[in-house]
N, C-alpha and C. Protein backbone atom coordinates (compact mmCIF):
# COMPACT_ATOMS: atom_id res chain seq x y z
N MET A 1 12.62 -1.88 6.33
CA MET A 1 11.77 -1.12 5.31
C MET A 1 12.00 -1.57 3.88
N PRO A 2 10.67 -1.37 3.24
CA PRO A 2 10.78 -1.83 1.61
C PRO A 2 11.68 -0.91 1.01
N VAL A 3 12.26 -1.83 0.13
CA VAL A 3 13.04 -1.15 -1.10
C VAL A 3 13.02 -1.64 -2.61
N ALA A 4 13.01 -0.82 -3.40
CA ALA A 4 12.78 -1.28 -4.77
C ALA A 4 14.01 -1.54 -5.51
N GLU A 5 13.94 -2.81 -5.99
CA GLU A 5 15.45 -3.18 -6.55
C GLU A 5 15.88 -2.48 -7.82
N ASP A 6 14.95 -1.85 -8.39
CA ASP A 6 15.00 -0.74 -9.75
C ASP A 6 15.14 0.28 -9.30
N CYS A 7 15.14 0.77 -8.27
CA CYS A 7 14.95 2.30 -7.84
C CYS A 7 16.38 2.84 -7.83
N LEU A 8 16.37 4.05 -8.65
CA LEU A 8 17.56 4.66 -8.63
C LEU A 8 17.79 5.25 -7.25
N PHE A 9 17.02 5.85 -6.46
CA PHE A 9 17.26 6.32 -5.10
C PHE A 9 17.46 5.27 -4.07
N CYS A 10 17.00 4.13 -4.11
CA CYS A 10 17.21 2.96 -3.31
C CYS A 10 18.70 2.62 -3.60
N LYS A 11 19.00 2.73 -4.87
CA LYS A 11 20.43 2.36 -5.10
C LYS A 11 21.45 3.32 -4.39
N ILE A 12 21.01 4.71 -4.41
CA ILE A 12 21.75 5.59 -3.87
C ILE A 12 21.85 5.53 -2.49
N PHE A 13 20.69 5.35 -1.87
CA PHE A 13 20.98 4.91 -0.29
C PHE A 13 21.64 3.85 0.06
N ALA A 14 21.68 2.50 -0.85
CA ALA A 14 22.39 1.40 -0.70
C ALA A 14 23.92 1.63 -0.96
N ARG A 15 24.40 2.68 -1.57
CA ARG A 15 25.74 3.09 -2.02
C ARG A 15 26.03 2.32 -3.38
N GLU A 16 24.97 1.58 -4.02
CA GLU A 16 25.37 1.09 -5.35
C GLU A 16 25.48 1.98 -6.29
N ILE A 17 25.26 3.19 -6.22
CA ILE A 17 25.26 4.37 -7.28
C ILE A 17 25.71 5.54 -6.60
N PRO A 18 26.78 5.95 -7.01
CA PRO A 18 27.69 7.20 -6.14
C PRO A 18 26.48 8.28 -6.63
N ALA A 19 26.73 9.09 -5.23
CA ALA A 19 26.14 10.63 -5.19
C ALA A 19 26.91 11.23 -4.42
N LYS A 20 26.87 12.76 -4.65
CA LYS A 20 27.53 13.59 -3.98
C LYS A 20 26.70 13.85 -2.52
N GLU A 21 26.76 13.20 -1.35
CA GLU A 21 26.11 13.14 -0.29
C GLU A 21 26.66 14.69 0.67
N VAL A 22 25.64 14.83 1.03
CA VAL A 22 25.83 16.00 1.98
C VAL A 22 25.18 16.03 3.61
N PHE A 23 24.63 14.78 3.91
CA PHE A 23 24.00 14.31 4.65
C PHE A 23 23.49 12.82 4.81
N ARG A 24 24.21 12.05 5.76
CA ARG A 24 23.43 10.69 5.93
C ARG A 24 23.34 10.19 7.18
N ASP A 25 22.14 9.48 7.56
CA ASP A 25 22.01 8.79 8.91
C ASP A 25 21.27 7.56 8.50
N GLU A 26 20.80 6.76 9.30
CA GLU A 26 20.44 5.29 9.13
C GLU A 26 18.97 5.58 8.47
N GLU A 27 18.23 6.88 8.54
CA GLU A 27 17.00 6.96 8.06
C GLU A 27 16.80 7.81 6.58
N ILE A 28 17.79 8.59 6.63
CA ILE A 28 17.54 9.80 5.78
C ILE A 28 19.06 9.86 4.83
N VAL A 29 18.99 10.26 3.46
CA VAL A 29 20.34 10.93 2.94
C VAL A 29 19.91 11.99 1.97
N ALA A 30 21.03 12.63 2.03
CA ALA A 30 20.71 14.08 1.29
C ALA A 30 21.98 14.18 0.56
N PHE A 31 21.73 14.51 -0.82
CA PHE A 31 22.77 14.54 -2.14
C PHE A 31 22.65 15.83 -3.00
N GLU A 32 23.54 16.09 -3.56
CA GLU A 32 23.27 17.41 -4.64
C GLU A 32 22.54 16.75 -5.89
N ASP A 33 21.67 17.37 -6.38
CA ASP A 33 21.08 17.08 -7.67
C ASP A 33 21.81 17.31 -8.61
N ILE A 34 21.92 16.17 -9.59
CA ILE A 34 22.65 16.14 -10.75
C ILE A 34 22.28 16.97 -11.95
N ARG A 35 21.37 17.63 -11.71
CA ARG A 35 20.98 18.64 -12.63
C ARG A 35 20.31 20.02 -12.09
N PRO A 36 21.08 20.57 -11.22
CA PRO A 36 20.80 21.71 -10.27
C PRO A 36 19.91 22.93 -11.30
N VAL A 37 18.88 23.41 -10.41
CA VAL A 37 17.95 24.43 -11.13
C VAL A 37 18.38 25.76 -10.15
N ALA A 38 19.21 25.67 -9.32
CA ALA A 38 19.60 26.62 -8.21
C ALA A 38 21.07 26.51 -7.70
N PRO A 39 21.69 27.62 -7.23
CA PRO A 39 22.87 27.23 -6.49
C PRO A 39 23.20 26.13 -5.56
N THR A 40 21.86 26.20 -4.62
CA THR A 40 21.78 25.15 -3.87
C THR A 40 20.59 24.30 -4.15
N HIS A 41 20.62 23.06 -4.58
CA HIS A 41 19.65 22.05 -4.97
C HIS A 41 20.12 20.74 -4.56
N VAL A 42 19.40 20.49 -3.43
CA VAL A 42 19.79 18.98 -2.70
C VAL A 42 18.60 18.42 -2.73
N LEU A 43 18.77 16.99 -2.97
CA LEU A 43 17.49 16.06 -2.72
C LEU A 43 17.68 15.21 -1.41
N VAL A 44 16.50 15.28 -0.76
CA VAL A 44 16.53 14.55 0.29
C VAL A 44 15.53 13.55 0.57
N ILE A 45 15.96 12.30 0.71
CA ILE A 45 15.59 10.79 0.32
C ILE A 45 15.23 10.14 1.67
N PRO A 46 13.94 9.21 1.99
CA PRO A 46 14.04 8.58 3.05
C PRO A 46 14.90 7.14 2.73
N LYS A 47 15.10 6.32 3.55
CA LYS A 47 15.51 4.81 3.20
C LYS A 47 14.55 3.97 2.81
N GLU A 48 13.18 4.10 3.32
CA GLU A 48 12.11 3.44 2.88
C GLU A 48 11.57 4.08 1.55
N HIS A 49 11.47 2.88 0.65
CA HIS A 49 10.74 3.22 -0.81
C HIS A 49 9.36 3.60 -0.71
N ILE A 50 9.06 4.66 -0.80
CA ILE A 50 7.53 5.25 -1.03
C ILE A 50 7.59 5.73 -2.27
N PRO A 51 6.59 5.38 -3.20
CA PRO A 51 6.54 5.83 -4.71
C PRO A 51 6.57 7.52 -4.69
N SER A 52 5.71 8.02 -3.93
CA SER A 52 5.32 9.58 -3.95
C SER A 52 4.70 10.09 -2.80
N VAL A 53 4.34 11.20 -2.67
CA VAL A 53 3.66 11.67 -1.76
C VAL A 53 2.49 11.57 -1.43
N HIS A 54 1.73 11.09 -2.41
CA HIS A 54 0.36 10.32 -2.29
C HIS A 54 0.32 8.99 -1.68
N ASP A 55 1.65 8.51 -1.52
CA ASP A 55 1.62 7.02 -0.77
C ASP A 55 1.94 7.18 0.64
N LEU A 56 2.13 8.53 0.89
CA LEU A 56 2.36 8.56 2.60
C LEU A 56 1.29 8.24 3.51
N LYS A 57 1.48 7.53 4.63
CA LYS A 57 0.58 7.19 5.57
C LYS A 57 0.63 7.87 7.04
N ALA A 58 -0.21 7.93 7.87
CA ALA A 58 -0.08 8.36 9.02
C ALA A 58 1.29 8.18 9.81
N GLY A 59 1.48 6.79 9.71
CA GLY A 59 2.63 6.45 10.54
C GLY A 59 3.98 6.81 9.77
N HIS A 60 3.92 7.59 8.71
CA HIS A 60 5.25 8.55 8.04
C HIS A 60 5.34 9.75 8.61
N GLY A 61 4.44 10.33 9.59
CA GLY A 61 4.78 11.60 9.87
C GLY A 61 6.16 11.99 10.46
N PRO A 62 6.63 11.08 11.43
CA PRO A 62 8.01 11.54 12.02
C PRO A 62 9.12 11.26 10.94
N MET A 63 8.97 10.20 9.86
CA MET A 63 10.19 10.53 9.05
C MET A 63 10.06 11.95 8.08
N LEU A 64 8.81 12.17 7.85
CA LEU A 64 8.65 13.23 6.80
C LEU A 64 9.05 14.42 7.57
N VAL A 65 8.79 14.61 8.99
CA VAL A 65 9.28 15.70 9.65
C VAL A 65 10.96 15.65 9.71
N ARG A 66 11.25 14.57 9.76
CA ARG A 66 12.91 14.35 9.87
C ARG A 66 13.88 14.65 8.59
N MET A 67 12.87 14.60 7.55
CA MET A 67 13.30 14.93 6.19
C MET A 67 13.39 16.52 5.91
N ILE A 68 12.07 17.33 6.72
CA ILE A 68 12.36 18.74 6.44
C ILE A 68 13.13 19.13 7.63
N GLU A 69 13.58 18.56 8.63
CA GLU A 69 14.37 18.78 9.58
C GLU A 69 15.99 18.93 9.15
N VAL A 70 16.25 18.01 8.15
CA VAL A 70 17.58 17.82 7.59
C VAL A 70 17.68 18.94 6.37
N ALA A 71 16.30 19.06 5.77
CA ALA A 71 16.56 20.12 4.66
C ALA A 71 16.74 21.69 5.25
N ASN A 72 16.19 21.93 6.48
CA ASN A 72 16.40 23.22 7.05
C ASN A 72 17.78 22.98 7.84
N ARG A 73 18.24 22.21 7.84
CA ARG A 73 19.93 22.03 8.43
C ARG A 73 20.62 22.38 7.36
N ILE A 74 20.42 21.82 6.29
CA ILE A 74 21.30 22.05 5.04
C ILE A 74 21.47 23.26 4.54
N ALA A 75 19.95 23.96 4.92
CA ALA A 75 19.56 25.46 4.39
C ALA A 75 20.32 26.20 5.27
N ASP A 76 20.42 25.87 6.63
CA ASP A 76 21.46 26.82 7.54
C ASP A 76 22.57 26.56 7.09
N GLU A 77 23.29 25.48 7.13
CA GLU A 77 24.58 25.28 6.70
C GLU A 77 25.13 26.27 5.60
N ARG A 78 24.27 26.14 4.39
CA ARG A 78 24.56 26.97 3.30
C ARG A 78 24.22 28.47 3.20
N LYS A 79 23.60 28.72 4.33
CA LYS A 79 23.31 30.16 4.58
C LYS A 79 22.21 30.57 3.68
N VAL A 80 21.54 29.78 2.93
CA VAL A 80 20.15 30.09 2.33
C VAL A 80 19.06 30.39 2.97
N ASP A 81 19.13 30.12 4.29
CA ASP A 81 18.00 30.45 5.29
C ASP A 81 17.95 31.77 5.43
N ARG A 82 18.83 32.57 5.34
CA ARG A 82 18.87 34.21 5.53
C ARG A 82 18.06 34.96 4.54
N ASP A 83 18.06 34.43 3.23
CA ASP A 83 17.28 35.27 2.42
C ASP A 83 15.95 34.45 1.82
N GLY A 84 16.17 33.30 2.14
CA GLY A 84 14.81 32.13 1.86
C GLY A 84 15.02 31.01 1.01
N TYR A 85 14.33 30.00 0.98
CA TYR A 85 14.62 28.90 0.38
C TYR A 85 13.07 27.89 -0.02
N ARG A 86 13.29 27.31 -0.94
CA ARG A 86 12.07 26.53 -1.06
C ARG A 86 12.22 24.82 -1.03
N ILE A 87 11.21 24.39 -0.55
CA ILE A 87 11.33 22.98 -0.51
C ILE A 87 10.08 22.48 -1.21
N VAL A 88 10.37 21.55 -2.24
CA VAL A 88 9.24 21.18 -3.15
C VAL A 88 9.20 19.46 -3.17
N VAL A 89 8.00 19.07 -3.21
CA VAL A 89 7.76 17.80 -3.31
C VAL A 89 7.00 17.55 -4.68
N ASN A 90 7.25 16.74 -5.89
CA ASN A 90 6.57 16.62 -6.98
C ASN A 90 5.94 15.36 -6.78
N LYS A 91 4.66 15.05 -7.53
CA LYS A 91 3.90 13.95 -7.58
C LYS A 91 3.39 13.79 -8.95
N GLY A 92 4.07 12.95 -9.76
CA GLY A 92 3.45 12.66 -10.98
C GLY A 92 4.45 13.32 -12.06
N PRO A 93 4.17 12.87 -13.43
CA PRO A 93 4.97 13.40 -14.35
C PRO A 93 4.56 14.83 -14.96
N GLN A 94 3.37 15.29 -14.73
CA GLN A 94 2.90 16.67 -14.93
C GLN A 94 3.67 17.67 -14.01
N ALA A 95 3.71 17.12 -12.86
CA ALA A 95 4.52 18.04 -11.53
C ALA A 95 6.11 17.95 -11.79
N GLY A 96 6.63 17.03 -12.56
CA GLY A 96 7.97 16.89 -12.86
C GLY A 96 8.65 15.75 -12.15
N GLN A 97 7.94 14.69 -11.35
CA GLN A 97 8.48 14.00 -10.78
C GLN A 97 8.98 12.75 -11.66
N SER A 98 10.26 12.39 -11.54
CA SER A 98 10.85 11.51 -12.64
C SER A 98 11.41 10.30 -11.72
N VAL A 99 11.65 10.55 -10.62
CA VAL A 99 11.98 9.30 -10.00
C VAL A 99 11.00 8.94 -9.04
N TYR A 100 10.52 7.80 -8.90
CA TYR A 100 9.21 7.45 -8.14
C TYR A 100 9.83 6.83 -6.67
N HIS A 101 10.53 7.86 -5.99
CA HIS A 101 10.83 7.52 -4.40
C HIS A 101 10.66 8.79 -4.06
N LEU A 102 9.85 8.80 -3.05
CA LEU A 102 9.75 10.33 -2.40
C LEU A 102 10.96 10.76 -1.90
N HIS A 103 10.83 12.15 -2.25
CA HIS A 103 11.98 13.08 -2.30
C HIS A 103 11.70 14.50 -2.01
N LEU A 104 12.33 15.26 -1.48
CA LEU A 104 12.18 16.67 -1.29
C LEU A 104 13.46 17.30 -1.99
N HIS A 105 12.88 18.66 -2.74
CA HIS A 105 14.06 19.15 -3.10
C HIS A 105 14.26 20.47 -2.35
N LEU A 106 15.35 20.74 -2.18
CA LEU A 106 15.82 22.04 -1.40
C LEU A 106 16.55 22.79 -2.53
N LEU A 107 15.85 23.92 -2.54
CA LEU A 107 16.10 25.06 -3.60
C LEU A 107 16.57 26.37 -2.90
N GLY A 108 17.59 26.97 -3.27
CA GLY A 108 17.99 28.43 -2.66
C GLY A 108 19.26 28.77 -3.45
N GLY A 109 19.49 30.20 -2.81
CA GLY A 109 20.84 30.79 -3.50
C GLY A 109 20.35 31.88 -4.47
N ARG A 110 19.09 31.86 -4.99
CA ARG A 110 18.75 32.97 -6.04
C ARG A 110 17.20 32.90 -5.87
N THR A 111 16.56 34.05 -6.55
CA THR A 111 15.35 34.33 -6.34
C THR A 111 14.63 33.53 -7.00
N MET A 112 13.44 33.10 -6.22
CA MET A 112 12.32 32.22 -6.88
C MET A 112 11.24 32.87 -7.51
N ALA A 113 10.79 32.44 -8.66
CA ALA A 113 9.55 32.91 -9.48
C ALA A 113 8.18 32.19 -8.81
N TRP A 114 7.18 33.01 -8.91
CA TRP A 114 5.84 32.68 -8.35
C TRP A 114 5.04 32.98 -9.60
N PRO A 115 3.92 32.19 -10.02
CA PRO A 115 4.06 30.82 -9.60
C PRO A 115 5.01 29.86 -10.26
N PRO A 116 5.52 28.75 -9.69
CA PRO A 116 6.63 28.13 -10.41
C PRO A 116 6.00 27.23 -11.54
N GLY A 117 7.01 26.82 -12.14
CA GLY A 117 6.51 26.13 -13.28
C GLY A 117 6.53 27.11 -14.56
């Protein structure tokens, strides 16, 4: 799987940079966001370096489903599934993407506003 040498999230997956992990397997890592915007704010990333949601291909379907399954599992464990939670994917700077490695934000534990932003 491709990785990028200068990618923060690739380095977290490789354990070159520490993170407060809440889930890990051979394909997916989930960890606490360092600047949380909700009581539960976990990032779920794939091992494969995919710069953004715009770069997904049909073959990435199973990996994307796995990422959502991991987010759902963490939501269940933290009991935010009862009142609701949000799964967010940002693409590009105007949407708030600051690390160009595909990732999901799992947000929960508080009331979310709509529209977001």
